[in-house]
Amino acid sequence: MATLILQKTSGGSIRRCDSRCHYAKFPECKCICGGRFHGAGKSPGGIQRAWEKHQEEALRKLSLLLSETEYLKPGNPEAPKRAIIGRVERG
């Protein structure tokens, strides 16, 4: 059974996205992928296309995170004086 996403929690539980999701018979996804790979195995190349899309999205989010981290570094004159989760306050 191929697993594309696996998460182990500190409590020891495991969440995964595997062939039960990829070849699902029902429309509702209950796994960790949130529907991203749900039923993708039913069409030729479907899992590969879904995985490539997932990788592109993850790299885009990582790039945004890294640019925000660079922006918020101490010593950057453009950085706000105080950053609060959800919003940035100046002054």
N, C-alpha and C. Protein backbone atom coordinates (compact mmCIF):
# COMPACT_ATOMS: atom_id res chain seq x y z
N MET A 1 0.85 -1.18 0.00
CA MET A 1 0.00 0.00 0.00
C MET A 1 0.89 1.24 0.00
N ALA A 2 0.87 2.03 -1.06
CA ALA A 2 1.70 3.23 -1.16
C ALA A 2 1.13 4.34 -0.28
N THR A 3 1.98 4.94 0.53
CA THR A 3 1.59 6.05 1.38
C THR A 3 2.25 7.32 0.87
N LEU A 4 1.44 8.33 0.54
CA LEU A 4 1.98 9.59 0.04
C LEU A 4 2.24 10.58 1.16
N ILE A 5 1.39 10.60 2.17
CA ILE A 5 1.54 11.53 3.29
C ILE A 5 1.37 10.72 4.57
N LEU A 6 2.27 10.95 5.53
CA LEU A 6 2.20 10.25 6.81
C LEU A 6 2.51 11.25 7.91
N GLN A 7 1.68 11.25 8.95
CA GLN A 7 1.89 12.14 10.09
C GLN A 7 1.79 11.31 11.35
N LYS A 8 2.82 11.42 12.19
CA LYS A 8 2.81 10.77 13.50
C LYS A 8 2.70 11.87 14.55
N THR A 9 1.73 11.75 15.42
CA THR A 9 1.55 12.77 16.47
C THR A 9 2.37 12.41 17.69
N SER A 10 2.55 13.38 18.57
CA SER A 10 3.30 13.13 19.81
C SER A 10 2.57 12.11 20.69
N GLY A 11 1.28 11.97 20.50
CA GLY A 11 0.50 11.00 21.26
C GLY A 11 0.60 9.58 20.70
N GLY A 12 1.30 9.44 19.58
CA GLY A 12 1.50 8.11 19.00
C GLY A 12 0.52 7.72 17.91
N SER A 13 -0.48 8.56 17.64
CA SER A 13 -1.41 8.21 16.58
C SER A 13 -0.80 8.53 15.22
N ILE A 14 -1.26 7.82 14.20
CA ILE A 14 -0.73 7.98 12.85
C ILE A 14 -1.87 8.32 11.90
N ARG A 15 -1.66 9.34 11.09
CA ARG A 15 -2.60 9.69 10.03
C ARG A 15 -1.87 9.53 8.72
N ARG A 16 -2.55 9.01 7.70
CA ARG A 16 -1.89 8.79 6.43
C ARG A 16 -2.84 8.95 5.26
N CYS A 17 -2.24 9.09 4.09
CA CYS A 17 -2.97 9.07 2.83
C CYS A 17 -2.37 7.92 2.03
N ASP A 18 -3.16 6.88 1.79
CA ASP A 18 -2.65 5.70 1.09
C ASP A 18 -3.66 5.22 0.05
N SER A 19 -3.49 4.02 -0.43
CA SER A 19 -4.33 3.52 -1.53
C SER A 19 -5.82 3.45 -1.16
N ARG A 20 -6.14 3.39 0.12
CA ARG A 20 -7.56 3.43 0.50
C ARG A 20 -8.20 4.73 0.04
N CYS A 21 -7.42 5.79 0.05
CA CYS A 21 -7.89 7.09 -0.43
C CYS A 21 -7.76 7.19 -1.96
N HIS A 22 -6.62 6.76 -2.48
CA HIS A 22 -6.34 6.91 -3.92
C HIS A 22 -7.35 6.16 -4.79
N TYR A 23 -7.83 5.03 -4.30
CA TYR A 23 -8.78 4.22 -5.07
C TYR A 23 -10.14 4.17 -4.37
N ALA A 24 -10.50 5.22 -3.68
CA ALA A 24 -11.73 5.28 -2.89
C ALA A 24 -12.97 5.07 -3.75
N LYS A 25 -13.95 4.43 -3.15
CA LYS A 25 -15.23 4.18 -3.84
C LYS A 25 -16.28 5.22 -3.47
N PHE A 26 -16.04 5.94 -2.39
CA PHE A 26 -17.01 6.92 -1.91
C PHE A 26 -16.43 8.33 -2.07
N PRO A 27 -17.28 9.34 -2.26
CA PRO A 27 -16.80 10.70 -2.56
C PRO A 27 -16.17 11.44 -1.38
N GLU A 28 -16.46 11.07 -0.16
CA GLU A 28 -15.96 11.81 1.00
C GLU A 28 -14.58 11.32 1.42
N CYS A 29 -13.64 12.23 1.56
CA CYS A 29 -12.28 11.90 1.99
C CYS A 29 -12.17 12.14 3.50
N LYS A 30 -11.64 11.14 4.20
CA LYS A 30 -11.48 11.26 5.65
C LYS A 30 -10.02 11.16 6.08
N CYS A 31 -9.11 11.20 5.12
CA CYS A 31 -7.70 11.04 5.49
C CYS A 31 -7.00 12.40 5.57
N ILE A 32 -5.71 12.37 5.79
CA ILE A 32 -4.92 13.58 6.02
C ILE A 32 -4.78 14.48 4.79
N CYS A 33 -5.00 13.95 3.59
CA CYS A 33 -4.80 14.77 2.38
C CYS A 33 -5.93 15.77 2.16
N GLY A 34 -7.03 15.61 2.86
CA GLY A 34 -8.14 16.54 2.71
C GLY A 34 -8.77 16.52 1.33
N GLY A 35 -8.64 15.39 0.64
CA GLY A 35 -9.24 15.25 -0.68
C GLY A 35 -8.29 15.49 -1.84
N ARG A 36 -7.08 15.92 -1.54
CA ARG A 36 -6.11 16.25 -2.59
C ARG A 36 -5.80 15.05 -3.49
N PHE A 37 -5.73 13.84 -2.91
CA PHE A 37 -5.42 12.63 -3.67
C PHE A 37 -6.61 11.68 -3.76
N HIS A 38 -7.75 12.09 -3.25
CA HIS A 38 -8.92 11.22 -3.17
C HIS A 38 -9.40 10.79 -4.56
N GLY A 39 -9.34 9.50 -4.80
CA GLY A 39 -9.79 8.94 -6.06
C GLY A 39 -8.83 9.16 -7.22
N ALA A 40 -7.65 9.72 -6.95
CA ALA A 40 -6.70 10.04 -8.02
C ALA A 40 -6.18 8.80 -8.75
N GLY A 41 -6.18 7.66 -8.08
CA GLY A 41 -5.66 6.44 -8.68
C GLY A 41 -6.58 5.82 -9.72
N LYS A 42 -7.77 6.35 -9.84
CA LYS A 42 -8.74 5.78 -10.78
C LYS A 42 -8.45 6.17 -12.23
N SER A 43 -7.68 7.25 -12.45
CA SER A 43 -7.36 7.65 -13.82
C SER A 43 -5.86 7.45 -14.06
N PRO A 44 -5.46 7.08 -15.27
CA PRO A 44 -4.04 6.86 -15.57
C PRO A 44 -3.23 8.13 -15.28
N GLY A 45 -2.18 7.98 -14.50
CA GLY A 45 -1.32 9.12 -14.15
C GLY A 45 -1.92 10.07 -13.14
N GLY A 46 -3.08 9.73 -12.60
CA GLY A 46 -3.77 10.64 -11.68
C GLY A 46 -3.02 10.92 -10.41
N ILE A 47 -2.43 9.88 -9.82
CA ILE A 47 -1.69 10.08 -8.57
C ILE A 47 -0.45 10.93 -8.84
N GLN A 48 0.24 10.66 -9.94
CA GLN A 48 1.43 11.44 -10.29
C GLN A 48 1.08 12.92 -10.48
N ARG A 49 0.00 13.21 -11.19
CA ARG A 49 -0.41 14.60 -11.40
C ARG A 49 -0.78 15.26 -10.07
N ALA A 50 -1.51 14.54 -9.23
CA ALA A 50 -1.91 15.10 -7.94
C ALA A 50 -0.68 15.36 -7.08
N TRP A 51 0.29 14.45 -7.11
CA TRP A 51 1.51 14.61 -6.31
C TRP A 51 2.32 15.80 -6.80
N GLU A 52 2.45 15.97 -8.12
CA GLU A 52 3.19 17.10 -8.67
C GLU A 52 2.53 18.43 -8.27
N LYS A 53 1.21 18.46 -8.32
CA LYS A 53 0.48 19.67 -7.92
C LYS A 53 0.71 19.95 -6.43
N HIS A 54 0.69 18.90 -5.62
CA HIS A 54 0.92 19.02 -4.18
C HIS A 54 2.34 19.55 -3.91
N GLN A 55 3.34 19.04 -4.64
CA GLN A 55 4.71 19.50 -4.47
C GLN A 55 4.85 20.97 -4.85
N GLU A 56 4.23 21.37 -5.95
CA GLU A 56 4.28 22.77 -6.38
C GLU A 56 3.70 23.68 -5.31
N GLU A 57 2.57 23.27 -4.75
CA GLU A 57 1.92 24.08 -3.71
C GLU A 57 2.79 24.15 -2.46
N ALA A 58 3.39 23.02 -2.07
CA ALA A 58 4.24 23.00 -0.88
C ALA A 58 5.47 23.89 -1.08
N LEU A 59 6.08 23.84 -2.27
CA LEU A 59 7.25 24.68 -2.54
C LEU A 59 6.87 26.16 -2.56
N ARG A 60 5.70 26.48 -3.09
CA ARG A 60 5.24 27.87 -3.10
C ARG A 60 5.05 28.37 -1.68
N LYS A 61 4.42 27.55 -0.82
CA LYS A 61 4.20 27.95 0.58
C LYS A 61 5.52 28.09 1.31
N LEU A 62 6.47 27.18 1.05
CA LEU A 62 7.78 27.26 1.68
C LEU A 62 8.51 28.53 1.26
N SER A 63 8.42 28.87 -0.01
CA SER A 63 9.05 30.08 -0.52
C SER A 63 8.47 31.32 0.15
N LEU A 64 7.15 31.35 0.31
CA LEU A 64 6.51 32.48 0.99
C LEU A 64 6.96 32.56 2.44
N LEU A 65 7.03 31.42 3.10
CA LEU A 65 7.44 31.37 4.50
C LEU A 65 8.87 31.87 4.65
N LEU A 66 9.76 31.43 3.76
CA LEU A 66 11.16 31.86 3.83
C LEU A 66 11.29 33.35 3.57
N SER A 67 10.52 33.88 2.62
CA SER A 67 10.61 35.31 2.34
C SER A 67 10.07 36.12 3.52
N GLU A 68 9.02 35.63 4.18
CA GLU A 68 8.49 36.32 5.36
C GLU A 68 9.49 36.26 6.50
N THR A 69 10.17 35.12 6.64
CA THR A 69 11.17 34.97 7.69
C THR A 69 12.31 35.95 7.47
N GLU A 70 12.75 36.09 6.22
CA GLU A 70 13.81 37.04 5.88
C GLU A 70 13.35 38.46 6.20
N TYR A 71 12.10 38.77 5.86
CA TYR A 71 11.54 40.10 6.09
C TYR A 71 11.49 40.43 7.59
N LEU A 72 11.18 39.43 8.42
CA LEU A 72 11.01 39.67 9.85
C LEU A 72 12.30 39.57 10.65
N LYS A 73 13.43 39.29 9.99
CA LYS A 73 14.70 39.16 10.71
C LYS A 73 15.05 40.46 11.42
N PRO A 74 15.55 40.36 12.66
CA PRO A 74 16.02 41.57 13.36
C PRO A 74 17.12 42.23 12.55
N GLY A 75 17.12 43.53 12.52
CA GLY A 75 18.14 44.26 11.77
C GLY A 75 17.66 44.69 10.40
N ASN A 76 16.60 44.11 9.92
CA ASN A 76 16.03 44.54 8.63
C ASN A 76 15.29 45.85 8.88
N PRO A 77 15.72 46.94 8.28
CA PRO A 77 15.08 48.24 8.55
C PRO A 77 13.62 48.28 8.12
N GLU A 78 13.22 47.41 7.22
CA GLU A 78 11.82 47.40 6.76
C GLU A 78 10.93 46.51 7.64
N ALA A 79 11.54 45.74 8.52
CA ALA A 79 10.76 44.83 9.36
C ALA A 79 9.95 45.61 10.39
N PRO A 80 8.75 45.13 10.69
CA PRO A 80 7.95 45.80 11.74
C PRO A 80 8.63 45.63 13.09
N LYS A 81 8.33 46.54 14.00
CA LYS A 81 8.93 46.45 15.32
C LYS A 81 8.35 45.28 16.12
N ARG A 82 7.09 44.99 15.89
CA ARG A 82 6.42 43.91 16.60
C ARG A 82 5.59 43.11 15.62
N ALA A 83 5.72 41.80 15.67
CA ALA A 83 4.88 40.94 14.82
C ALA A 83 3.97 40.13 15.72
N ILE A 84 2.70 40.12 15.41
CA ILE A 84 1.72 39.36 16.16
C ILE A 84 1.08 38.38 15.20
N ILE A 85 0.89 37.13 15.63
CA ILE A 85 0.31 36.13 14.77
C ILE A 85 -1.03 36.63 14.24
N GLY A 86 -1.17 36.59 12.92
CA GLY A 86 -2.41 37.02 12.29
C GLY A 86 -2.38 38.45 11.77
N ARG A 87 -1.49 39.29 12.33
CA ARG A 87 -1.41 40.65 11.83
C ARG A 87 -0.05 41.23 12.22
N VAL A 88 0.32 42.30 11.59
CA VAL A 88 1.59 42.98 11.90
C VAL A 88 1.26 44.37 12.38
N GLU A 89 1.85 44.74 13.49
CA GLU A 89 1.66 46.09 14.03
C GLU A 89 2.91 46.90 13.81
N ARG A 90 2.75 48.11 13.42
CA ARG A 90 3.89 49.01 13.27
C ARG A 90 3.83 50.05 14.38
N GLY A 91 5.01 50.39 14.88
CA GLY A 91 5.07 51.46 15.87
C GLY A 91 5.11 50.98 17.21
